[in-house]
Amino acid sequence: MNTGNIKEALELIEPMIEKFPSEALLFNIRGVCNKALQKFSIAVDDFNEAITLNAEYAEAHYNLGVILREMGESAGAANAYKKALSINNNYPNAHNNLGQLLLVNGDFYSSIDHLEWAVALKPDFAEAHNNLGSALIGIDKTQDAIKLKVVFESYLETTIYT
């Protein structure tokens, strides 16, 4: 799957699911494969099955959020990200994606809260820095957004060259 051979990965995962039908990880992997093949409704079913098998599987909730967002179901996506974060609050991608949804909906303060978490958990997370800057601009804190950009660029320079 990681090498881009999605169809081959699906062919390999099917017999594993038959052999281990209660293994949530296998359904999550199949969901990721189906998403990559643009089979969104099948991927949603796979992620939901993974969650049914293991309700505390943060990655499956996160992946469900990603696909629901791509399908235009923002409310469902937000709920999936919130569930992932209730299981694992140290999940920078879930904080970023939820923060981005909140930003798009104009809930700048909640967005900032999640985006600050994403940046704190993963300091080199460029997308989260960008989203946080946009949220800060949304509450008329343009100077803070500029400072954030300068700090991030400085961080990148020190990590790249040291």
N, C-alpha and C. Protein backbone atom coordinates (compact mmCIF):
# COMPACT_ATOMS: atom_id res chain seq x y z
N MET A 1 0.83 -1.19 0.00
CA MET A 1 0.00 0.00 0.00
C MET A 1 0.88 1.25 0.00
N ASN A 2 1.92 1.25 0.82
CA ASN A 2 2.80 2.43 0.91
C ASN A 2 3.60 2.68 -0.35
N THR A 3 3.72 1.67 -1.21
CA THR A 3 4.45 1.85 -2.46
C THR A 3 3.53 2.25 -3.60
N GLY A 4 2.24 2.41 -3.31
CA GLY A 4 1.31 2.83 -4.34
C GLY A 4 0.60 1.69 -5.04
N ASN A 5 0.87 0.47 -4.66
CA ASN A 5 0.21 -0.68 -5.27
C ASN A 5 -1.08 -0.99 -4.51
N ILE A 6 -2.05 -0.12 -4.68
CA ILE A 6 -3.27 -0.18 -3.88
C ILE A 6 -4.08 -1.43 -4.20
N LYS A 7 -4.23 -1.73 -5.48
CA LYS A 7 -5.02 -2.92 -5.86
C LYS A 7 -4.37 -4.19 -5.33
N GLU A 8 -3.06 -4.25 -5.40
CA GLU A 8 -2.35 -5.41 -4.87
C GLU A 8 -2.52 -5.50 -3.35
N ALA A 9 -2.47 -4.37 -2.68
CA ALA A 9 -2.67 -4.35 -1.24
C ALA A 9 -4.06 -4.87 -0.88
N LEU A 10 -5.07 -4.45 -1.66
CA LEU A 10 -6.43 -4.94 -1.41
C LEU A 10 -6.52 -6.46 -1.61
N GLU A 11 -5.86 -6.95 -2.65
CA GLU A 11 -5.87 -8.40 -2.90
C GLU A 11 -5.23 -9.16 -1.74
N LEU A 12 -4.22 -8.58 -1.13
CA LEU A 12 -3.55 -9.23 -0.01
C LEU A 12 -4.35 -9.12 1.29
N ILE A 13 -5.09 -8.04 1.44
CA ILE A 13 -5.80 -7.82 2.70
C ILE A 13 -7.08 -8.65 2.79
N GLU A 14 -7.71 -8.93 1.66
CA GLU A 14 -8.98 -9.67 1.68
C GLU A 14 -8.87 -11.03 2.37
N PRO A 15 -7.87 -11.88 2.02
CA PRO A 15 -7.77 -13.16 2.73
C PRO A 15 -7.44 -12.99 4.22
N MET A 16 -6.74 -11.91 4.54
CA MET A 16 -6.44 -11.66 5.95
C MET A 16 -7.71 -11.32 6.72
N ILE A 17 -8.59 -10.55 6.09
CA ILE A 17 -9.87 -10.21 6.73
C ILE A 17 -10.71 -11.47 6.91
N GLU A 18 -10.68 -12.36 5.90
CA GLU A 18 -11.42 -13.62 6.04
C GLU A 18 -10.88 -14.45 7.20
N LYS A 19 -9.57 -14.43 7.37
CA LYS A 19 -8.95 -15.22 8.43
C LYS A 19 -9.10 -14.56 9.81
N PHE A 20 -9.07 -13.23 9.84
CA PHE A 20 -9.15 -12.47 11.10
C PHE A 20 -10.26 -11.43 11.00
N PRO A 21 -11.52 -11.88 10.96
CA PRO A 21 -12.64 -10.95 10.72
C PRO A 21 -12.93 -9.96 11.85
N SER A 22 -12.28 -10.14 12.99
CA SER A 22 -12.51 -9.18 14.07
C SER A 22 -11.30 -8.31 14.35
N GLU A 23 -10.42 -8.18 13.38
CA GLU A 23 -9.23 -7.35 13.52
C GLU A 23 -9.49 -5.97 12.89
N ALA A 24 -9.70 -4.98 13.75
CA ALA A 24 -10.04 -3.63 13.30
C ALA A 24 -8.98 -3.04 12.37
N LEU A 25 -7.72 -3.31 12.65
CA LEU A 25 -6.64 -2.76 11.83
C LEU A 25 -6.80 -3.13 10.36
N LEU A 26 -7.23 -4.34 10.08
CA LEU A 26 -7.37 -4.78 8.69
C LEU A 26 -8.46 -3.99 7.97
N PHE A 27 -9.55 -3.71 8.66
CA PHE A 27 -10.61 -2.91 8.04
C PHE A 27 -10.16 -1.46 7.84
N ASN A 28 -9.37 -0.96 8.76
CA ASN A 28 -8.84 0.39 8.60
C ASN A 28 -7.92 0.46 7.37
N ILE A 29 -7.06 -0.54 7.23
CA ILE A 29 -6.16 -0.58 6.06
C ILE A 29 -6.97 -0.69 4.77
N ARG A 30 -7.98 -1.56 4.78
CA ARG A 30 -8.81 -1.71 3.57
C ARG A 30 -9.52 -0.39 3.27
N GLY A 31 -9.96 0.31 4.31
CA GLY A 31 -10.61 1.61 4.10
C GLY A 31 -9.66 2.61 3.45
N VAL A 32 -8.42 2.63 3.91
CA VAL A 32 -7.43 3.54 3.32
C VAL A 32 -7.22 3.19 1.84
N CYS A 33 -7.15 1.91 1.54
CA CYS A 33 -7.00 1.47 0.14
C CYS A 33 -8.20 1.89 -0.69
N ASN A 34 -9.40 1.65 -0.17
CA ASN A 34 -10.61 2.01 -0.93
C ASN A 34 -10.72 3.52 -1.12
N LYS A 35 -10.29 4.28 -0.13
CA LYS A 35 -10.27 5.73 -0.28
C LYS A 35 -9.33 6.13 -1.41
N ALA A 36 -8.15 5.51 -1.45
CA ALA A 36 -7.17 5.82 -2.49
C ALA A 36 -7.72 5.49 -3.88
N LEU A 37 -8.60 4.50 -3.95
CA LEU A 37 -9.22 4.12 -5.23
C LEU A 37 -10.50 4.90 -5.50
N GLN A 38 -10.76 5.92 -4.68
CA GLN A 38 -11.95 6.78 -4.82
C GLN A 38 -13.25 6.02 -4.59
N LYS A 39 -13.19 4.92 -3.86
CA LYS A 39 -14.39 4.15 -3.50
C LYS A 39 -14.82 4.62 -2.11
N PHE A 40 -15.36 5.83 -2.07
CA PHE A 40 -15.61 6.50 -0.80
C PHE A 40 -16.63 5.79 0.08
N SER A 41 -17.76 5.38 -0.49
CA SER A 41 -18.78 4.76 0.36
C SER A 41 -18.30 3.44 0.93
N ILE A 42 -17.51 2.69 0.16
CA ILE A 42 -16.94 1.43 0.66
C ILE A 42 -15.93 1.74 1.77
N ALA A 43 -15.13 2.77 1.57
CA ALA A 43 -14.15 3.17 2.59
C ALA A 43 -14.86 3.56 3.89
N VAL A 44 -15.96 4.30 3.78
CA VAL A 44 -16.72 4.69 4.98
C VAL A 44 -17.18 3.43 5.71
N ASP A 45 -17.69 2.46 4.95
CA ASP A 45 -18.13 1.20 5.57
C ASP A 45 -16.97 0.50 6.27
N ASP A 46 -15.79 0.50 5.63
CA ASP A 46 -14.62 -0.14 6.23
C ASP A 46 -14.22 0.55 7.54
N PHE A 47 -14.18 1.88 7.54
CA PHE A 47 -13.80 2.61 8.75
C PHE A 47 -14.84 2.39 9.85
N ASN A 48 -16.11 2.39 9.46
CA ASN A 48 -17.15 2.13 10.46
C ASN A 48 -17.04 0.72 11.03
N GLU A 49 -16.67 -0.24 10.20
CA GLU A 49 -16.48 -1.61 10.70
C GLU A 49 -15.31 -1.66 11.67
N ALA A 50 -14.24 -0.97 11.35
CA ALA A 50 -13.08 -0.92 12.25
C ALA A 50 -13.50 -0.32 13.59
N ILE A 51 -14.31 0.72 13.55
CA ILE A 51 -14.78 1.38 14.77
C ILE A 51 -15.73 0.47 15.55
N THR A 52 -16.57 -0.27 14.83
CA THR A 52 -17.47 -1.22 15.49
C THR A 52 -16.66 -2.28 16.24
N LEU A 53 -15.58 -2.72 15.62
CA LEU A 53 -14.73 -3.75 16.23
C LEU A 53 -13.91 -3.19 17.38
N ASN A 54 -13.53 -1.92 17.28
CA ASN A 54 -12.73 -1.29 18.34
C ASN A 54 -13.11 0.18 18.42
N ALA A 55 -14.04 0.48 19.29
CA ALA A 55 -14.55 1.85 19.43
C ALA A 55 -13.49 2.84 19.86
N GLU A 56 -12.38 2.35 20.41
CA GLU A 56 -11.30 3.23 20.89
C GLU A 56 -10.15 3.34 19.88
N TYR A 57 -10.42 3.06 18.64
CA TYR A 57 -9.41 3.09 17.57
C TYR A 57 -9.37 4.50 16.98
N ALA A 58 -8.53 5.36 17.54
CA ALA A 58 -8.48 6.77 17.16
C ALA A 58 -8.18 6.95 15.67
N GLU A 59 -7.28 6.16 15.13
CA GLU A 59 -6.91 6.32 13.72
C GLU A 59 -8.10 6.04 12.79
N ALA A 60 -8.92 5.06 13.13
CA ALA A 60 -10.09 4.76 12.30
C ALA A 60 -11.09 5.92 12.35
N HIS A 61 -11.28 6.51 13.53
CA HIS A 61 -12.16 7.69 13.64
C HIS A 61 -11.58 8.84 12.81
N TYR A 62 -10.27 9.05 12.91
CA TYR A 62 -9.62 10.10 12.13
C TYR A 62 -9.81 9.86 10.63
N ASN A 63 -9.54 8.63 10.19
CA ASN A 63 -9.69 8.31 8.76
C ASN A 63 -11.12 8.48 8.29
N LEU A 64 -12.08 8.13 9.15
CA LEU A 64 -13.49 8.36 8.82
C LEU A 64 -13.73 9.85 8.63
N GLY A 65 -13.16 10.67 9.51
CA GLY A 65 -13.30 12.11 9.37
C GLY A 65 -12.73 12.63 8.06
N VAL A 66 -11.58 12.11 7.68
CA VAL A 66 -10.95 12.55 6.42
C VAL A 66 -11.86 12.26 5.24
N ILE A 67 -12.39 11.04 5.18
CA ILE A 67 -13.23 10.67 4.03
C ILE A 67 -14.55 11.43 4.05
N LEU A 68 -15.14 11.60 5.23
CA LEU A 68 -16.40 12.34 5.29
C LEU A 68 -16.20 13.78 4.84
N ARG A 69 -15.08 14.36 5.20
CA ARG A 69 -14.81 15.73 4.75
C ARG A 69 -14.69 15.78 3.24
N GLU A 70 -13.98 14.81 2.66
CA GLU A 70 -13.85 14.77 1.20
C GLU A 70 -15.20 14.59 0.52
N MET A 71 -16.12 13.95 1.21
CA MET A 71 -17.47 13.73 0.67
C MET A 71 -18.38 14.93 0.93
N GLY A 72 -17.84 15.97 1.57
CA GLY A 72 -18.62 17.18 1.84
C GLY A 72 -19.48 17.09 3.09
N GLU A 73 -19.24 16.11 3.94
CA GLU A 73 -20.02 15.94 5.16
C GLU A 73 -19.22 16.50 6.35
N SER A 74 -19.17 17.82 6.41
CA SER A 74 -18.35 18.50 7.41
C SER A 74 -18.76 18.17 8.85
N ALA A 75 -20.05 18.11 9.12
CA ALA A 75 -20.50 17.83 10.49
C ALA A 75 -20.07 16.44 10.92
N GLY A 76 -20.23 15.46 10.04
CA GLY A 76 -19.80 14.10 10.36
C GLY A 76 -18.30 14.02 10.53
N ALA A 77 -17.58 14.76 9.69
CA ALA A 77 -16.12 14.79 9.79
C ALA A 77 -15.69 15.38 11.13
N ALA A 78 -16.31 16.49 11.51
CA ALA A 78 -15.97 17.13 12.79
C ALA A 78 -16.23 16.18 13.96
N ASN A 79 -17.34 15.48 13.92
CA ASN A 79 -17.65 14.52 14.99
C ASN A 79 -16.61 13.40 15.04
N ALA A 80 -16.17 12.93 13.87
CA ALA A 80 -15.16 11.86 13.83
C ALA A 80 -13.83 12.35 14.39
N TYR A 81 -13.44 13.58 14.03
CA TYR A 81 -12.19 14.14 14.58
C TYR A 81 -12.29 14.32 16.09
N LYS A 82 -13.45 14.80 16.56
CA LYS A 82 -13.64 14.98 18.01
C LYS A 82 -13.54 13.64 18.73
N LYS A 83 -14.11 12.60 18.14
CA LYS A 83 -14.03 11.28 18.76
C LYS A 83 -12.58 10.80 18.80
N ALA A 84 -11.85 10.99 17.71
CA ALA A 84 -10.43 10.60 17.68
C ALA A 84 -9.66 11.33 18.78
N LEU A 85 -9.96 12.61 18.95
CA LEU A 85 -9.28 13.41 19.98
C LEU A 85 -9.71 13.03 21.39
N SER A 86 -10.93 12.57 21.55
CA SER A 86 -11.36 12.13 22.89
C SER A 86 -10.63 10.85 23.29
N ILE A 87 -10.18 10.10 22.31
CA ILE A 87 -9.41 8.87 22.55
C ILE A 87 -7.94 9.20 22.73
N ASN A 88 -7.44 10.08 21.87
CA ASN A 88 -6.02 10.46 21.88
C ASN A 88 -5.92 11.95 21.61
N ASN A 89 -5.82 12.75 22.66
CA ASN A 89 -5.75 14.20 22.50
C ASN A 89 -4.41 14.67 21.92
N ASN A 90 -3.43 13.78 21.86
CA ASN A 90 -2.12 14.13 21.30
C ASN A 90 -2.03 13.71 19.84
N TYR A 91 -3.02 14.03 19.07
CA TYR A 91 -3.13 13.62 17.66
C TYR A 91 -3.10 14.89 16.80
N PRO A 92 -1.90 15.34 16.39
CA PRO A 92 -1.80 16.63 15.70
C PRO A 92 -2.63 16.73 14.43
N ASN A 93 -2.70 15.66 13.65
CA ASN A 93 -3.47 15.73 12.39
C ASN A 93 -4.96 15.92 12.66
N ALA A 94 -5.46 15.27 13.71
CA ALA A 94 -6.88 15.44 14.05
C ALA A 94 -7.13 16.87 14.54
N HIS A 95 -6.23 17.41 15.35
CA HIS A 95 -6.38 18.81 15.79
C HIS A 95 -6.35 19.74 14.58
N ASN A 96 -5.43 19.52 13.66
CA ASN A 96 -5.33 20.38 12.49
C ASN A 96 -6.59 20.30 11.64
N ASN A 97 -7.04 19.09 11.35
CA ASN A 97 -8.21 18.95 10.48
C ASN A 97 -9.47 19.52 11.12
N LEU A 98 -9.63 19.29 12.43
CA LEU A 98 -10.78 19.88 13.11
C LEU A 98 -10.64 21.40 13.14
N GLY A 99 -9.44 21.88 13.43
CA GLY A 99 -9.21 23.33 13.42
C GLY A 99 -9.50 23.95 12.07
N GLN A 100 -9.14 23.25 11.02
CA GLN A 100 -9.39 23.76 9.67
C GLN A 100 -10.89 23.81 9.37
N LEU A 101 -11.63 22.78 9.80
CA LEU A 101 -13.09 22.80 9.62
C LEU A 101 -13.71 23.96 10.38
N LEU A 102 -13.27 24.16 11.61
CA LEU A 102 -13.79 25.27 12.42
C LEU A 102 -13.44 26.61 11.79
N LEU A 103 -12.25 26.71 11.23
CA LEU A 103 -11.82 27.93 10.55
C LEU A 103 -12.74 28.24 9.38
N VAL A 104 -13.01 27.25 8.57
CA VAL A 104 -13.88 27.42 7.40
C VAL A 104 -15.28 27.85 7.83
N ASN A 105 -15.72 27.36 8.97
CA ASN A 105 -17.05 27.72 9.49
C ASN A 105 -17.06 29.02 10.26
N GLY A 106 -15.91 29.69 10.37
CA GLY A 106 -15.84 30.99 11.02
C GLY A 106 -15.74 30.95 12.53
N ASP A 107 -15.53 29.76 13.09
CA ASP A 107 -15.36 29.63 14.55
C ASP A 107 -13.87 29.77 14.85
N PHE A 108 -13.38 31.00 14.76
CA PHE A 108 -11.95 31.26 14.83
C PHE A 108 -11.31 30.88 16.16
N TYR A 109 -12.00 31.17 17.26
CA TYR A 109 -11.39 30.91 18.57
C TYR A 109 -11.24 29.41 18.83
N SER A 110 -12.26 28.62 18.51
CA SER A 110 -12.14 27.16 18.65
C SER A 110 -11.10 26.62 17.69
N SER A 111 -11.07 27.18 16.50
CA SER A 111 -10.09 26.79 15.51
C SER A 111 -8.67 27.02 16.03
N ILE A 112 -8.45 28.19 16.59
CA ILE A 112 -7.13 28.55 17.13
C ILE A 112 -6.72 27.56 18.22
N ASP A 113 -7.66 27.20 19.08
CA ASP A 113 -7.36 26.25 20.15
C ASP A 113 -6.81 24.94 19.57
N HIS A 114 -7.50 24.39 18.60
CA HIS A 114 -7.06 23.11 18.01
C HIS A 114 -5.77 23.27 17.20
N LEU A 115 -5.64 24.36 16.49
CA LEU A 115 -4.44 24.56 15.68
C LEU A 115 -3.21 24.81 16.55
N GLU A 116 -3.40 25.47 17.68
CA GLU A 116 -2.27 25.64 18.60
C GLU A 116 -1.83 24.28 19.15
N TRP A 117 -2.78 23.40 19.42
CA TRP A 117 -2.44 22.04 19.85
C TRP A 117 -1.63 21.34 18.76
N ALA A 118 -2.11 21.44 17.52
CA ALA A 118 -1.42 20.76 16.41
C ALA A 118 0.02 21.23 16.28
N VAL A 119 0.22 22.54 16.39
CA VAL A 119 1.57 23.12 16.27
C VAL A 119 2.44 22.73 17.46
N ALA A 120 1.84 22.72 18.65
CA ALA A 120 2.61 22.35 19.84
C ALA A 120 3.04 20.89 19.79
N LEU A 121 2.16 20.04 19.28
CA LEU A 121 2.46 18.60 19.21
C LEU A 121 3.43 18.26 18.08
N LYS A 122 3.39 19.08 17.01
CA LYS A 122 4.22 18.80 15.84
C LYS A 122 4.73 20.14 15.30
N PRO A 123 5.84 20.65 15.88
CA PRO A 123 6.32 21.99 15.54
C PRO A 123 6.65 22.21 14.05
N ASP A 124 6.92 21.16 13.31
CA ASP A 124 7.25 21.34 11.89
C ASP A 124 6.04 21.14 10.98
N PHE A 125 4.85 21.19 11.52
CA PHE A 125 3.61 20.94 10.79
C PHE A 125 3.21 22.20 10.03
N ALA A 126 3.70 22.33 8.80
CA ALA A 126 3.52 23.55 8.01
C ALA A 126 2.05 23.88 7.79
N GLU A 127 1.24 22.89 7.47
CA GLU A 127 -0.18 23.14 7.20
C GLU A 127 -0.87 23.71 8.45
N ALA A 128 -0.54 23.17 9.62
CA ALA A 128 -1.15 23.67 10.86
C ALA A 128 -0.71 25.11 11.13
N HIS A 129 0.57 25.42 10.87
CA HIS A 129 1.04 26.80 11.04
C HIS A 129 0.27 27.74 10.11
N ASN A 130 0.11 27.32 8.87
CA ASN A 130 -0.62 28.14 7.90
C ASN A 130 -2.07 28.34 8.34
N ASN A 131 -2.72 27.26 8.77
CA ASN A 131 -4.10 27.36 9.23
C ASN A 131 -4.22 28.26 10.46
N LEU A 132 -3.27 28.12 11.38
CA LEU A 132 -3.28 28.97 12.58
C LEU A 132 -3.12 30.43 12.19
N GLY A 133 -2.23 30.71 11.26
CA GLY A 133 -2.08 32.10 10.78
C GLY A 133 -3.36 32.64 10.20
N SER A 134 -4.05 31.83 9.43
CA SER A 134 -5.34 32.25 8.84
C SER A 134 -6.37 32.51 9.92
N ALA A 135 -6.41 31.65 10.94
CA ALA A 135 -7.37 31.84 12.03
C ALA A 135 -7.05 33.12 12.81
N LEU A 136 -5.77 33.38 13.03
CA LEU A 136 -5.39 34.61 13.73
C LEU A 136 -5.79 35.85 12.93
N ILE A 137 -5.62 35.78 11.64
CA ILE A 137 -6.05 36.90 10.78
C ILE A 137 -7.56 37.07 10.89
N GLY A 138 -8.27 35.95 11.02
CA GLY A 138 -9.73 35.99 11.15
C GLY A 138 -10.21 36.73 12.38
N ILE A 139 -9.38 36.84 13.41
CA ILE A 139 -9.77 37.62 14.61
C ILE A 139 -8.95 38.91 14.69
N ASP A 140 -8.49 39.36 13.54
CA ASP A 140 -7.75 40.63 13.43
C ASP A 140 -6.45 40.64 14.22
N LYS A 141 -5.78 39.50 14.27
CA LYS A 141 -4.46 39.43 14.91
C LYS A 141 -3.41 39.16 13.84
N THR A 142 -3.39 40.06 12.86
CA THR A 142 -2.47 39.91 11.73
C THR A 142 -1.02 39.93 12.18
N GLN A 143 -0.69 40.78 13.13
CA GLN A 143 0.70 40.85 13.62
C GLN A 143 1.11 39.53 14.26
N ASP A 144 0.19 38.89 15.00
CA ASP A 144 0.50 37.59 15.60
C ASP A 144 0.72 36.54 14.51
N ALA A 145 -0.06 36.64 13.44
CA ALA A 145 0.10 35.70 12.33
C ALA A 145 1.47 35.89 11.67
N ILE A 146 1.88 37.13 11.52
CA ILE A 146 3.20 37.42 10.92
C ILE A 146 4.31 36.88 11.83
N LYS A 147 4.17 37.10 13.15
CA LYS A 147 5.16 36.58 14.10
C LYS A 147 5.23 35.06 14.02
N LEU A 148 4.09 34.43 13.90
CA LEU A 148 4.02 32.97 13.79
C LEU A 148 4.80 32.51 12.56
N LYS A 149 4.63 33.21 11.45
CA LYS A 149 5.33 32.87 10.22
C LYS A 149 6.84 33.00 10.41
N VAL A 150 7.27 34.07 11.04
CA VAL A 150 8.70 34.30 11.28
C VAL A 150 9.27 33.22 12.19
N VAL A 151 8.55 32.89 13.24
CA VAL A 151 9.01 31.84 14.17
C VAL A 151 9.10 30.51 13.44
N PHE A 152 8.11 30.19 12.62
CA PHE A 152 8.11 28.92 11.89
C PHE A 152 9.28 28.86 10.91
N GLU A 153 9.51 29.94 10.18
CA GLU A 153 10.62 29.96 9.22
C GLU A 153 11.95 29.83 9.95
N SER A 154 12.07 30.47 11.08
CA SER A 154 13.29 30.35 11.90
C SER A 154 13.47 28.92 12.38
N TYR A 155 12.37 28.30 12.82
CA TYR A 155 12.42 26.91 13.27
C TYR A 155 12.90 26.01 12.13
N LEU A 156 12.34 26.22 10.94
CA LEU A 156 12.75 25.39 9.79
C LEU A 156 14.22 25.55 9.48
N GLU A 157 14.68 26.79 9.50
CA GLU A 157 16.10 27.04 9.20
C GLU A 157 17.00 26.32 10.21
N THR A 158 16.66 26.36 11.48
CA THR A 158 17.52 25.72 12.48
C THR A 158 17.45 24.21 12.41
N THR A 159 16.30 23.66 12.02
CA THR A 159 16.21 22.19 11.94
C THR A 159 16.80 21.66 10.65
N ILE A 160 16.77 22.43 9.59
CA ILE A 160 17.32 21.98 8.31
C ILE A 160 18.84 22.05 8.32
N TYR A 161 19.38 23.07 8.93
CA TYR A 161 20.82 23.31 8.85
C TYR A 161 21.59 22.85 10.08
N THR A 162 20.93 22.22 11.05
CA THR A 162 21.67 21.75 12.23
C THR A 162 21.68 20.24 12.28
